[in-house]
Amino acid sequence: MPRVPASNIAVSSILALEKKLDVTANNIANINTDEFKKSRAIFQTRDLPGVYVTITKVNTPGTIQPNGLESSNVFLAEEFVNLITTQYSNTANVKVIETEAEMQGHIVDVFA
């Protein structure tokens, strides 16, 4: 298999993290929507290097309210943890891209 630059993998991860951020934002926006079911972004890899995301609904029940409706199954603390891990993952991927660019610069300097 041909060598794939680490920056390509990091970029695919950043794009997947963007989808995860969209899912988290949608969950938070609907936290008070009766009968709303949260979604999750599931990351996967395939034969080609890179990160792919699948979005799935989480069908755990919410609590039954006095009006008889089921509340959403979104928990704000869990969504905040998702935001924090997304932030750190993005930071790590940007560092990979910066490091690869720096290494390529050093290689050019050696052969120039």
N, C-alpha and C. Protein backbone atom coordinates (compact mmCIF):
# COMPACT_ATOMS: atom_id res chain seq x y z
N MET A 1 0.85 -1.17 0.00
CA MET A 1 0.00 0.00 0.00
C MET A 1 0.90 1.24 0.00
N PRO A 2 0.58 2.24 -0.82
CA PRO A 2 1.41 3.45 -0.87
C PRO A 2 1.33 4.23 0.45
N ARG A 3 2.40 4.93 0.71
CA ARG A 3 2.47 5.75 1.93
C ARG A 3 1.49 6.92 1.80
N VAL A 4 0.70 7.11 2.84
CA VAL A 4 -0.26 8.21 2.87
C VAL A 4 0.26 9.22 3.90
N PRO A 5 0.39 10.47 3.50
CA PRO A 5 0.89 11.47 4.45
C PRO A 5 0.01 11.54 5.70
N ALA A 6 0.68 11.70 6.84
CA ALA A 6 -0.05 11.81 8.12
C ALA A 6 -1.04 12.97 8.08
N SER A 7 -0.70 14.02 7.34
CA SER A 7 -1.59 15.17 7.28
C SER A 7 -2.92 14.80 6.61
N ASN A 8 -2.90 13.87 5.64
CA ASN A 8 -4.15 13.43 5.01
C ASN A 8 -5.06 12.75 6.03
N ILE A 9 -4.47 11.93 6.88
CA ILE A 9 -5.23 11.24 7.91
C ILE A 9 -5.75 12.25 8.92
N ALA A 10 -4.90 13.21 9.29
CA ALA A 10 -5.31 14.24 10.25
C ALA A 10 -6.45 15.09 9.70
N VAL A 11 -6.39 15.42 8.42
CA VAL A 11 -7.46 16.21 7.80
C VAL A 11 -8.77 15.41 7.79
N SER A 12 -8.71 14.12 7.47
CA SER A 12 -9.93 13.31 7.49
C SER A 12 -10.49 13.23 8.91
N SER A 13 -9.62 13.20 9.89
CA SER A 13 -10.06 13.19 11.28
C SER A 13 -10.72 14.52 11.67
N ILE A 14 -10.15 15.62 11.22
CA ILE A 14 -10.74 16.94 11.51
C ILE A 14 -12.13 17.04 10.89
N LEU A 15 -12.29 16.54 9.68
CA LEU A 15 -13.60 16.56 9.03
C LEU A 15 -14.60 15.68 9.78
N ALA A 16 -14.14 14.53 10.27
CA ALA A 16 -15.02 13.66 11.07
C ALA A 16 -15.38 14.33 12.38
N LEU A 17 -14.42 15.01 12.99
CA LEU A 17 -14.69 15.72 14.24
C LEU A 17 -15.67 16.87 14.04
N GLU A 18 -15.65 17.46 12.85
CA GLU A 18 -16.62 18.52 12.54
C GLU A 18 -18.05 17.94 12.55
N LYS A 19 -18.20 16.74 12.00
CA LYS A 19 -19.51 16.08 12.03
C LYS A 19 -19.91 15.75 13.47
N LYS A 20 -18.93 15.30 14.27
CA LYS A 20 -19.21 15.00 15.67
C LYS A 20 -19.66 16.26 16.40
N LEU A 21 -19.03 17.37 16.10
CA LEU A 21 -19.40 18.64 16.72
C LEU A 21 -20.83 19.04 16.32
N ASP A 22 -21.18 18.82 15.06
CA ASP A 22 -22.56 19.09 14.60
C ASP A 22 -23.57 18.24 15.37
N VAL A 23 -23.25 16.97 15.57
CA VAL A 23 -24.14 16.07 16.30
C VAL A 23 -24.29 16.54 17.75
N THR A 24 -23.18 16.89 18.38
CA THR A 24 -23.22 17.36 19.77
C THR A 24 -24.03 18.64 19.88
N ALA A 25 -23.84 19.57 18.95
CA ALA A 25 -24.60 20.82 18.97
C ALA A 25 -26.09 20.56 18.80
N ASN A 26 -26.45 19.64 17.92
CA ASN A 26 -27.86 19.29 17.72
C ASN A 26 -28.45 18.68 18.99
N ASN A 27 -27.68 17.82 19.64
CA ASN A 27 -28.16 17.22 20.89
C ASN A 27 -28.41 18.30 21.95
N ILE A 28 -27.46 19.21 22.10
CA ILE A 28 -27.60 20.27 23.10
C ILE A 28 -28.79 21.18 22.75
N ALA A 29 -28.95 21.49 21.49
CA ALA A 29 -30.05 22.36 21.07
C ALA A 29 -31.41 21.73 21.35
N ASN A 30 -31.48 20.41 21.39
CA ASN A 30 -32.75 19.72 21.59
C ASN A 30 -32.89 19.10 22.97
N ILE A 31 -32.08 19.53 23.91
CA ILE A 31 -32.11 18.93 25.25
C ILE A 31 -33.48 19.05 25.91
N ASN A 32 -34.22 20.10 25.61
CA ASN A 32 -35.55 20.29 26.20
C ASN A 32 -36.69 19.94 25.26
N THR A 33 -36.38 19.23 24.19
CA THR A 33 -37.42 18.82 23.23
C THR A 33 -37.96 17.46 23.65
N ASP A 34 -39.25 17.42 23.98
CA ASP A 34 -39.86 16.16 24.40
C ASP A 34 -39.68 15.09 23.34
N GLU A 35 -39.37 13.88 23.79
CA GLU A 35 -39.24 12.67 22.96
C GLU A 35 -38.08 12.73 21.96
N PHE A 36 -37.18 13.70 22.11
CA PHE A 36 -35.99 13.76 21.24
C PHE A 36 -35.02 12.67 21.65
N LYS A 37 -34.44 11.99 20.67
CA LYS A 37 -33.43 10.97 20.91
C LYS A 37 -32.08 11.49 20.42
N LYS A 38 -31.09 11.47 21.31
CA LYS A 38 -29.76 11.97 20.96
C LYS A 38 -29.12 11.08 19.91
N SER A 39 -28.13 11.64 19.25
CA SER A 39 -27.34 10.91 18.26
C SER A 39 -25.89 10.84 18.73
N ARG A 40 -25.16 9.92 18.16
CA ARG A 40 -23.74 9.78 18.42
C ARG A 40 -22.99 9.65 17.12
N ALA A 41 -21.80 10.22 17.07
CA ALA A 41 -20.91 10.06 15.92
C ALA A 41 -19.92 8.94 16.27
N ILE A 42 -19.94 7.89 15.47
CA ILE A 42 -19.07 6.74 15.68
C ILE A 42 -17.96 6.80 14.63
N PHE A 43 -16.71 6.84 15.11
CA PHE A 43 -15.57 6.91 14.19
C PHE A 43 -15.11 5.52 13.81
N GLN A 44 -14.71 5.38 12.54
CA GLN A 44 -14.24 4.11 12.01
C GLN A 44 -13.08 4.36 11.06
N THR A 45 -12.30 3.32 10.82
CA THR A 45 -11.28 3.37 9.77
C THR A 45 -11.62 2.28 8.76
N ARG A 46 -11.10 2.46 7.57
CA ARG A 46 -11.31 1.47 6.51
C ARG A 46 -9.96 1.12 5.91
N ASP A 47 -9.99 0.40 4.79
CA ASP A 47 -8.74 -0.01 4.15
C ASP A 47 -7.88 1.19 3.79
N LEU A 48 -8.51 2.23 3.25
CA LEU A 48 -7.75 3.44 2.96
C LEU A 48 -7.54 4.20 4.26
N PRO A 49 -6.33 4.68 4.50
CA PRO A 49 -6.12 5.41 5.75
C PRO A 49 -7.02 6.64 5.84
N GLY A 50 -7.56 6.83 6.99
CA GLY A 50 -8.42 7.97 7.23
C GLY A 50 -9.51 7.62 8.22
N VAL A 51 -10.24 8.61 8.62
CA VAL A 51 -11.29 8.44 9.61
C VAL A 51 -12.63 8.70 8.93
N TYR A 52 -13.57 7.82 9.18
CA TYR A 52 -14.92 7.96 8.65
C TYR A 52 -15.88 7.99 9.83
N VAL A 53 -16.99 8.66 9.66
CA VAL A 53 -17.93 8.78 10.76
C VAL A 53 -19.30 8.26 10.35
N THR A 54 -19.93 7.55 11.27
CA THR A 54 -21.29 7.08 11.10
C THR A 54 -22.10 7.70 12.23
N ILE A 55 -23.25 8.26 11.90
CA ILE A 55 -24.10 8.88 12.91
C ILE A 55 -25.25 7.93 13.23
N THR A 56 -25.43 7.63 14.51
CA THR A 56 -26.47 6.72 14.94
C THR A 56 -27.33 7.38 16.02
N LYS A 57 -28.59 6.98 16.07
CA LYS A 57 -29.50 7.43 17.13
C LYS A 57 -29.31 6.53 18.35
N VAL A 58 -29.39 7.14 19.52
CA VAL A 58 -29.33 6.40 20.78
C VAL A 58 -30.75 6.32 21.32
N ASN A 59 -31.30 5.13 21.36
CA ASN A 59 -32.71 4.98 21.70
C ASN A 59 -32.98 4.68 23.17
N THR A 60 -32.09 5.10 24.05
CA THR A 60 -32.39 4.93 25.47
C THR A 60 -33.54 5.86 25.83
N PRO A 61 -34.41 5.43 26.74
CA PRO A 61 -35.56 6.27 27.07
C PRO A 61 -35.18 7.46 27.94
N GLY A 62 -35.94 8.53 27.78
CA GLY A 62 -35.84 9.66 28.70
C GLY A 62 -36.76 9.38 29.87
N THR A 63 -36.93 10.35 30.74
CA THR A 63 -37.84 10.16 31.87
C THR A 63 -39.25 10.59 31.47
N ILE A 64 -40.23 9.96 32.10
CA ILE A 64 -41.62 10.32 31.84
C ILE A 64 -41.96 11.52 32.72
N GLN A 65 -42.45 12.54 32.07
CA GLN A 65 -42.79 13.78 32.77
C GLN A 65 -44.22 13.74 33.29
N PRO A 66 -44.57 14.65 34.20
CA PRO A 66 -45.95 14.68 34.73
C PRO A 66 -47.02 14.81 33.64
N ASN A 67 -46.67 15.44 32.50
CA ASN A 67 -47.65 15.59 31.42
C ASN A 67 -47.76 14.32 30.56
N GLY A 68 -47.01 13.28 30.94
CA GLY A 68 -47.09 12.01 30.24
C GLY A 68 -46.13 11.86 29.08
N LEU A 69 -45.45 12.93 28.70
CA LEU A 69 -44.49 12.86 27.60
C LEU A 69 -43.12 12.42 28.12
N GLU A 70 -42.38 11.82 27.24
CA GLU A 70 -41.03 11.40 27.58
C GLU A 70 -40.07 12.56 27.28
N SER A 71 -39.17 12.84 28.23
CA SER A 71 -38.18 13.90 28.00
C SER A 71 -37.10 13.37 27.05
N SER A 72 -36.25 14.27 26.59
CA SER A 72 -35.15 13.83 25.72
C SER A 72 -34.19 12.97 26.55
N ASN A 73 -33.35 12.22 25.88
CA ASN A 73 -32.36 11.40 26.56
C ASN A 73 -30.98 12.03 26.51
N VAL A 74 -30.94 13.35 26.40
CA VAL A 74 -29.68 14.10 26.33
C VAL A 74 -29.29 14.53 27.74
N PHE A 75 -28.02 14.30 28.09
CA PHE A 75 -27.49 14.75 29.36
C PHE A 75 -26.39 15.77 29.08
N LEU A 76 -26.55 16.97 29.61
CA LEU A 76 -25.65 18.07 29.30
C LEU A 76 -24.21 17.75 29.67
N ALA A 77 -23.99 17.12 30.82
CA ALA A 77 -22.62 16.79 31.23
C ALA A 77 -21.94 15.89 30.21
N GLU A 78 -22.66 14.92 29.69
CA GLU A 78 -22.11 14.01 28.68
C GLU A 78 -21.77 14.77 27.40
N GLU A 79 -22.62 15.70 27.02
CA GLU A 79 -22.37 16.49 25.81
C GLU A 79 -21.16 17.41 25.99
N PHE A 80 -20.98 17.95 27.20
CA PHE A 80 -19.81 18.79 27.46
C PHE A 80 -18.52 17.98 27.38
N VAL A 81 -18.57 16.74 27.86
CA VAL A 81 -17.40 15.86 27.72
C VAL A 81 -17.10 15.64 26.24
N ASN A 82 -18.13 15.44 25.43
CA ASN A 82 -17.93 15.29 23.98
C ASN A 82 -17.29 16.54 23.38
N LEU A 83 -17.72 17.72 23.82
CA LEU A 83 -17.13 18.96 23.32
C LEU A 83 -15.65 19.06 23.69
N ILE A 84 -15.32 18.69 24.92
CA ILE A 84 -13.93 18.78 25.38
C ILE A 84 -13.05 17.79 24.62
N THR A 85 -13.51 16.55 24.45
CA THR A 85 -12.69 15.58 23.72
C THR A 85 -12.55 15.97 22.25
N THR A 86 -13.58 16.56 21.68
CA THR A 86 -13.49 17.04 20.30
C THR A 86 -12.44 18.14 20.18
N GLN A 87 -12.44 19.05 21.15
CA GLN A 87 -11.46 20.15 21.14
C GLN A 87 -10.03 19.60 21.21
N TYR A 88 -9.77 18.67 22.13
CA TYR A 88 -8.41 18.12 22.26
C TYR A 88 -8.02 17.29 21.04
N SER A 89 -8.97 16.59 20.47
CA SER A 89 -8.68 15.80 19.27
C SER A 89 -8.33 16.72 18.10
N ASN A 90 -9.06 17.81 17.95
CA ASN A 90 -8.74 18.78 16.89
C ASN A 90 -7.35 19.37 17.10
N THR A 91 -7.03 19.71 18.32
CA THR A 91 -5.71 20.27 18.64
C THR A 91 -4.61 19.29 18.27
N ALA A 92 -4.81 18.01 18.59
CA ALA A 92 -3.81 16.99 18.27
C ALA A 92 -3.64 16.83 16.76
N ASN A 93 -4.74 16.86 16.02
CA ASN A 93 -4.66 16.72 14.57
C ASN A 93 -3.98 17.91 13.92
N VAL A 94 -4.23 19.10 14.43
CA VAL A 94 -3.55 20.29 13.90
C VAL A 94 -2.05 20.17 14.17
N LYS A 95 -1.68 19.66 15.33
CA LYS A 95 -0.25 19.49 15.66
C LYS A 95 0.40 18.49 14.70
N VAL A 96 -0.31 17.44 14.31
CA VAL A 96 0.22 16.48 13.34
C VAL A 96 0.51 17.17 12.02
N ILE A 97 -0.43 18.00 11.57
CA ILE A 97 -0.25 18.71 10.30
C ILE A 97 0.92 19.67 10.40
N GLU A 98 1.02 20.41 11.49
CA GLU A 98 2.14 21.35 11.68
C GLU A 98 3.47 20.62 11.72
N THR A 99 3.53 19.49 12.40
CA THR A 99 4.77 18.72 12.52
C THR A 99 5.20 18.16 11.17
N GLU A 100 4.24 17.67 10.39
CA GLU A 100 4.60 17.15 9.06
C GLU A 100 5.12 18.27 8.16
N ALA A 101 4.50 19.44 8.23
CA ALA A 101 4.98 20.57 7.42
C ALA A 101 6.39 20.98 7.85
N GLU A 102 6.63 20.97 9.14
CA GLU A 102 7.97 21.31 9.64
C GLU A 102 9.01 20.29 9.18
N MET A 103 8.64 19.01 9.23
CA MET A 103 9.56 17.96 8.79
C MET A 103 9.85 18.08 7.29
N GLN A 104 8.84 18.40 6.50
CA GLN A 104 9.06 18.57 5.06
C GLN A 104 9.98 19.76 4.80
N GLY A 105 9.83 20.79 5.61
CA GLY A 105 10.72 21.95 5.47
C GLY A 105 12.17 21.58 5.75
N HIS A 106 12.38 20.75 6.76
CA HIS A 106 13.74 20.30 7.09
C HIS A 106 14.32 19.42 5.98
N ILE A 107 13.49 18.58 5.39
CA ILE A 107 13.96 17.74 4.29
C ILE A 107 14.37 18.58 3.10
N VAL A 108 13.58 19.60 2.79
CA VAL A 108 13.92 20.51 1.69
C VAL A 108 15.24 21.22 1.99
N ASP A 109 15.44 21.63 3.23
CA ASP A 109 16.69 22.29 3.61
C ASP A 109 17.89 21.36 3.43
N VAL A 110 17.72 20.09 3.74
CA VAL A 110 18.83 19.12 3.64
C VAL A 110 19.20 18.90 2.18
N PHE A 111 18.21 18.81 1.30
CA PHE A 111 18.50 18.51 -0.10
C PHE A 111 18.70 19.75 -0.97
N ALA A 112 18.48 20.93 -0.42
CA ALA A 112 18.63 22.13 -1.21
C ALA A 112 20.06 22.62 -1.27
